[in-house]
Amino acid sequence: MYRVSKDAFPRQHPPQTALRARRGAVYLLGVVLLLLLAGCGRVQPADPAAPDGYVVTLAVDPAPPVMGEGAVIVTLHDAAGQPVDNAQLALEANMSHAGMTPVMANSASGKDGVYRVPLTWTMAGDWYVDVRFTLPDGQKITRRFPGQVLAQ
């Protein structure tokens, strides 16, 4: 019977450069995965300045908004800074995560470019409000506003 000593087949360790390369690859893979996961968030940024020249602002009452009854005040001004009246306004408020029913509201008129619309905030959390104006000439103006609704 033959006996084989431990030293007959010495264990070979990878060179240090190979270990460093492997560690670097694992680190890089981790960073890439974190960046991909961060990109999966549903944070809704405000639209950049629109090329249509219209200025649309949004305010809420009460401010900051809380769960329950409230109002959204939207203003509309043309490129010359003049208020725009007689536009049809449609609001769609959504939570930033999936699975919630949107809250819809409409207004058929505004005075001095100010449109006030009652809106019920159904839950606390991150929301975004899509504002859609249809002007008397048929032109459509759309903006998105993010916000947060607080619990009472």
C-alpha atoms as a PDB file:
ATOM      1  CA  MET A   1       0.000   0.000   0.000  1.00  0.00           C
ATOM      2  CA  TYR A   2       1.249   3.435  -0.873  1.00  0.00           C
ATOM      3  CA  ARG A   3       0.984   6.418   1.351  1.00  0.00           C
ATOM      4  CA  VAL A   4       0.724   9.820  -0.163  1.00  0.00           C
ATOM      5  CA  SER A   5       1.900  12.692   1.886  1.00  0.00           C
ATOM      6  CA  LYS A   6       0.087  16.015   1.923  1.00  0.00           C
ATOM      7  CA  ASP A   7       3.000  17.593   0.218  1.00  0.00           C
ATOM      8  CA  ALA A   8       2.835  15.222  -2.763  1.00  0.00           C
ATOM      9  CA  PHE A   9       0.082  17.315  -4.324  1.00  0.00           C
ATOM     10  CA  PRO A  10       0.628  20.823  -3.035  1.00  0.00           C
ATOM     11  CA  ARG A  11      -2.412  23.034  -3.101  1.00  0.00           C
ATOM     12  CA  GLN A  12      -1.974  25.771  -5.621  1.00  0.00           C
ATOM     13  CA  HIS A  13      -3.242  29.219  -4.722  1.00  0.00           C
ATOM     14  CA  PRO A  14      -4.199  31.648  -7.449  1.00  0.00           C
ATOM     15  CA  PRO A  15      -1.777  34.502  -7.909  1.00  0.00           C
ATOM     16  CA  GLN A  16      -2.501  37.736  -6.043  1.00  0.00           C
ATOM     17  CA  THR A  17      -3.314  39.592  -9.263  1.00  0.00           C
ATOM     18  CA  ALA A  18      -6.050  37.073 -10.051  1.00  0.00           C
ATOM     19  CA  LEU A  19      -7.526  37.539  -6.573  1.00  0.00           C
ATOM     20  CA  ARG A  20      -7.486  41.305  -6.940  1.00  0.00           C
ATOM     21  CA  ALA A  21      -9.136  41.063 -10.351  1.00  0.00           C
ATOM     22  CA  ARG A  22     -11.847  38.774  -8.952  1.00  0.00           C
ATOM     23  CA  ARG A  23     -12.494  41.116  -6.010  1.00  0.00           C
ATOM     24  CA  GLY A  24     -12.652  44.095  -8.365  1.00  0.00           C
ATOM     25  CA  ALA A  25     -15.144  42.320 -10.610  1.00  0.00           C
ATOM     26  CA  VAL A  26     -17.361  41.421  -7.650  1.00  0.00           C
ATOM     27  CA  TYR A  27     -17.199  45.012  -6.378  1.00  0.00           C
ATOM     28  CA  LEU A  28     -18.060  46.389  -9.821  1.00  0.00           C
ATOM     29  CA  LEU A  29     -20.955  43.949 -10.167  1.00  0.00           C
ATOM     30  CA  GLY A  30     -22.286  45.072  -6.765  1.00  0.00           C
ATOM     31  CA  VAL A  31     -22.117  48.745  -7.731  1.00  0.00           C
ATOM     32  CA  VAL A  32     -23.897  48.067 -11.037  1.00  0.00           C
ATOM     33  CA  LEU A  33     -26.655  46.118  -9.258  1.00  0.00           C
ATOM     34  CA  LEU A  34     -27.160  48.942  -6.744  1.00  0.00           C
ATOM     35  CA  LEU A  35     -27.426  51.491  -9.556  1.00  0.00           C
ATOM     36  CA  LEU A  36     -29.939  49.321 -11.396  1.00  0.00           C
ATOM     37  CA  LEU A  37     -32.048  48.904  -8.282  1.00  0.00           C
ATOM     38  CA  ALA A  38     -31.964  52.638  -7.607  1.00  0.00           C
ATOM     39  CA  GLY A  39     -33.208  53.236 -11.147  1.00  0.00           C
ATOM     40  CA  CYS A  40     -36.282  51.094 -10.463  1.00  0.00           C
ATOM     41  CA  GLY A  41     -37.768  53.693  -8.113  1.00  0.00           C
ATOM     42  CA  ARG A  42     -40.982  55.429  -9.121  1.00  0.00           C
ATOM     43  CA  VAL A  43     -40.025  58.911  -8.101  1.00  0.00           C
ATOM     44  CA  GLN A  44     -41.748  61.309 -10.483  1.00  0.00           C
ATOM     45  CA  PRO A  45     -39.782  64.473 -11.269  1.00  0.00           C
ATOM     46  CA  ALA A  46     -41.433  67.661 -12.463  1.00  0.00           C
ATOM     47  CA  ASP A  47     -41.465  68.176 -16.206  1.00  0.00           C
ATOM     48  CA  PRO A  48     -38.723  70.442 -17.518  1.00  0.00           C
ATOM     49  CA  ALA A  49     -39.609  73.769 -19.072  1.00  0.00           C
ATOM     50  CA  ALA A  50     -41.994  72.998 -21.889  1.00  0.00           C
ATOM     51  CA  PRO A  51     -41.437  74.338 -25.389  1.00  0.00           C
ATOM     52  CA  ASP A  52     -45.094  75.438 -25.619  1.00  0.00           C
ATOM     53  CA  GLY A  53     -44.275  78.617 -23.661  1.00  0.00           C
ATOM     54  CA  TYR A  54     -47.137  78.266 -21.190  1.00  0.00           C
ATOM     55  CA  VAL A  55     -46.448  78.605 -17.467  1.00  0.00           C
ATOM     56  CA  VAL A  56     -48.405  76.212 -15.271  1.00  0.00           C
ATOM     57  CA  THR A  57     -48.168  76.247 -11.475  1.00  0.00           C
ATOM     58  CA  LEU A  58     -49.799  74.035  -8.878  1.00  0.00           C
ATOM     59  CA  ALA A  59     -50.603  74.720  -5.235  1.00  0.00           C
ATOM     60  CA  VAL A  60     -52.643  72.756  -2.714  1.00  0.00           C
ATOM     61  CA  ASP A  61     -55.048  73.708   0.048  1.00  0.00           C
ATOM     62  CA  PRO A  62     -54.296  72.870   2.794  1.00  0.00           C
ATOM     63  CA  ALA A  63     -50.550  73.123   2.367  1.00  0.00           C
ATOM     64  CA  PRO A  64     -48.966  70.711   2.887  1.00  0.00           C
ATOM     65  CA  PRO A  65     -51.730  68.364   1.744  1.00  0.00           C
ATOM     66  CA  VAL A  66     -53.154  65.860   4.224  1.00  0.00           C
ATOM     67  CA  MET A  67     -55.295  62.778   3.725  1.00  0.00           C
ATOM     68  CA  GLY A  68     -58.919  63.636   3.049  1.00  0.00           C
ATOM     69  CA  GLU A  69     -60.658  66.549   1.388  1.00  0.00           C
ATOM     70  CA  GLY A  70     -58.575  69.290  -0.128  1.00  0.00           C
ATOM     71  CA  ALA A  71     -58.207  71.416  -3.216  1.00  0.00           C
ATOM     72  CA  VAL A  72     -55.713  71.835  -6.004  1.00  0.00           C
ATOM     73  CA  ILE A  73     -55.166  75.338  -7.368  1.00  0.00           C
ATOM     74  CA  VAL A  74     -53.657  75.424 -10.855  1.00  0.00           C
ATOM     75  CA  THR A  75     -52.671  78.602 -12.677  1.00  0.00           C
ATOM     76  CA  LEU A  76     -52.161  78.955 -16.412  1.00  0.00           C
ATOM     77  CA  HIS A  77     -50.383  81.837 -18.150  1.00  0.00           C
ATOM     78  CA  ASP A  78     -49.349  82.174 -21.778  1.00  0.00           C
ATOM     79  CA  ALA A  79     -45.848  82.986 -23.031  1.00  0.00           C
ATOM     80  CA  ALA A  80     -46.541  86.725 -22.628  1.00  0.00           C
ATOM     81  CA  GLY A  81     -47.488  86.205 -18.968  1.00  0.00           C
ATOM     82  CA  GLN A  82     -51.200  86.785 -19.563  1.00  0.00           C
ATOM     83  CA  PRO A  83     -53.688  84.592 -17.649  1.00  0.00           C
ATOM     84  CA  VAL A  84     -55.558  82.035 -19.735  1.00  0.00           C
ATOM     85  CA  ASP A  85     -59.275  81.560 -19.017  1.00  0.00           C
ATOM     86  CA  ASN A  86     -61.923  79.267 -20.538  1.00  0.00           C
ATOM     87  CA  ALA A  87     -59.674  76.222 -20.731  1.00  0.00           C
ATOM     88  CA  GLN A  88     -60.861  72.745 -19.753  1.00  0.00           C
ATOM     89  CA  LEU A  89     -58.791  71.296 -16.911  1.00  0.00           C
ATOM     90  CA  ALA A  90     -58.451  67.587 -16.127  1.00  0.00           C
ATOM     91  CA  LEU A  91     -56.427  66.373 -13.140  1.00  0.00           C
ATOM     92  CA  GLU A  92     -55.215  62.871 -12.489  1.00  0.00           C
ATOM     93  CA  ALA A  93     -53.564  62.278  -9.114  1.00  0.00           C
ATOM     94  CA  ASN A  94     -51.630  59.030  -8.648  1.00  0.00           C
ATOM     95  CA  MET A  95     -49.533  57.546  -5.909  1.00  0.00           C
ATOM     96  CA  SER A  96     -45.983  56.916  -7.023  1.00  0.00           C
ATOM     97  CA  HIS A  97     -46.295  53.166  -6.411  1.00  0.00           C
ATOM     98  CA  ALA A  98     -48.392  50.747  -8.415  1.00  0.00           C
ATOM     99  CA  GLY A  99     -51.718  49.321  -7.321  1.00  0.00           C
ATOM    100  CA  MET A 100     -53.613  52.444  -6.276  1.00  0.00           C
ATOM    101  CA  THR A 101     -56.652  53.814  -8.069  1.00  0.00           C
ATOM    102  CA  PRO A 102     -56.021  57.307  -9.458  1.00  0.00           C
ATOM    103  CA  VAL A 103     -58.080  60.250  -8.225  1.00  0.00           C
ATOM    104  CA  MET A 104     -59.632  62.255 -11.074  1.00  0.00           C
ATOM    105  CA  ALA A 105     -61.050  65.788 -11.050  1.00  0.00           C
ATOM    106  CA  ASN A 106     -62.142  68.333 -13.678  1.00  0.00           C
ATOM    107  CA  SER A 107     -62.809  72.034 -13.982  1.00  0.00           C
ATOM    108  CA  ALA A 108     -64.624  73.768 -16.796  1.00  0.00           C
ATOM    109  CA  SER A 109     -63.597  77.325 -16.052  1.00  0.00           C
ATOM    110  CA  GLY A 110     -61.044  79.529 -14.438  1.00  0.00           C
ATOM    111  CA  LYS A 111     -60.878  83.183 -13.583  1.00  0.00           C
ATOM    112  CA  ASP A 112     -57.723  85.238 -14.138  1.00  0.00           C
ATOM    113  CA  GLY A 113     -55.908  82.033 -15.082  1.00  0.00           C
ATOM    114  CA  VAL A 114     -56.667  80.372 -11.723  1.00  0.00           C
ATOM    115  CA  TYR A 115     -58.469  77.011 -11.644  1.00  0.00           C
ATOM    116  CA  ARG A 116     -59.506  75.618  -8.234  1.00  0.00           C
ATOM    117  CA  VAL A 117     -60.518  71.961  -8.137  1.00  0.00           C
ATOM    118  CA  PRO A 118     -61.670  69.923  -5.108  1.00  0.00           C
ATOM    119  CA  LEU A 119     -59.639  66.731  -4.682  1.00  0.00           C
ATOM    120  CA  THR A 120     -59.718  63.907  -2.130  1.00  0.00           C
ATOM    121  CA  TRP A 121     -56.320  62.524  -1.136  1.00  0.00           C
ATOM    122  CA  THR A 122     -57.040  58.853  -0.393  1.00  0.00           C
ATOM    123  CA  MET A 123     -53.765  57.905   1.281  1.00  0.00           C
ATOM    124  CA  ALA A 124     -50.634  59.412   2.775  1.00  0.00           C
ATOM    125  CA  GLY A 125     -47.431  59.057   0.761  1.00  0.00           C
ATOM    126  CA  ASP A 126     -45.740  60.174  -2.440  1.00  0.00           C
ATOM    127  CA  TRP A 127     -48.055  61.384  -5.189  1.00  0.00           C
ATOM    128  CA  TYR A 128     -47.826  63.029  -8.577  1.00  0.00           C
ATOM    129  CA  VAL A 129     -50.524  65.121 -10.223  1.00  0.00           C
ATOM    130  CA  ASP A 130     -50.884  65.186 -13.996  1.00  0.00           C
ATOM    131  CA  VAL A 131     -52.418  68.480 -15.138  1.00  0.00           C
ATOM    132  CA  ARG A 132     -54.017  68.524 -18.584  1.00  0.00           C
ATOM    133  CA  PHE A 133     -55.421  71.735 -20.036  1.00  0.00           C
ATOM    134  CA  THR A 134     -57.374  71.835 -23.292  1.00  0.00           C
ATOM    135  CA  LEU A 135     -57.397  75.395 -24.598  1.00  0.00           C
ATOM    136  CA  PRO A 136     -60.384  76.871 -26.489  1.00  0.00           C
ATOM    137  CA  ASP A 137     -58.453  76.418 -29.783  1.00  0.00           C
ATOM    138  CA  GLY A 138     -57.936  72.685 -29.005  1.00  0.00           C
ATOM    139  CA  GLN A 139     -54.276  72.928 -28.018  1.00  0.00           C
ATOM    140  CA  LYS A 140     -53.302  70.657 -25.109  1.00  0.00           C
ATOM    141  CA  ILE A 141     -50.962  71.690 -22.276  1.00  0.00           C
ATOM    142  CA  THR A 142     -49.695  68.926 -19.964  1.00  0.00           C
ATOM    143  CA  ARG A 143     -47.519  69.058 -16.854  1.00  0.00           C
ATOM    144  CA  ARG A 144     -46.632  66.685 -13.992  1.00  0.00           C
ATOM    145  CA  PHE A 145     -46.129  67.801 -10.392  1.00  0.00           C
ATOM    146  CA  PRO A 146     -44.751  65.512  -7.650  1.00  0.00           C
ATOM    147  CA  GLY A 147     -45.673  65.943  -4.011  1.00  0.00           C
ATOM    148  CA  GLN A 148     -46.229  64.259  -0.681  1.00  0.00           C
ATOM    149  CA  VAL A 149     -49.485  63.851   1.204  1.00  0.00           C
ATOM    150  CA  LEU A 150     -49.250  63.643   5.000  1.00  0.00           C
ATOM    151  CA  ALA A 151     -51.357  61.582   7.367  1.00  0.00           C
ATOM    152  CA  GLN A 152     -53.665  63.668   9.536  1.00  0.00           C
END
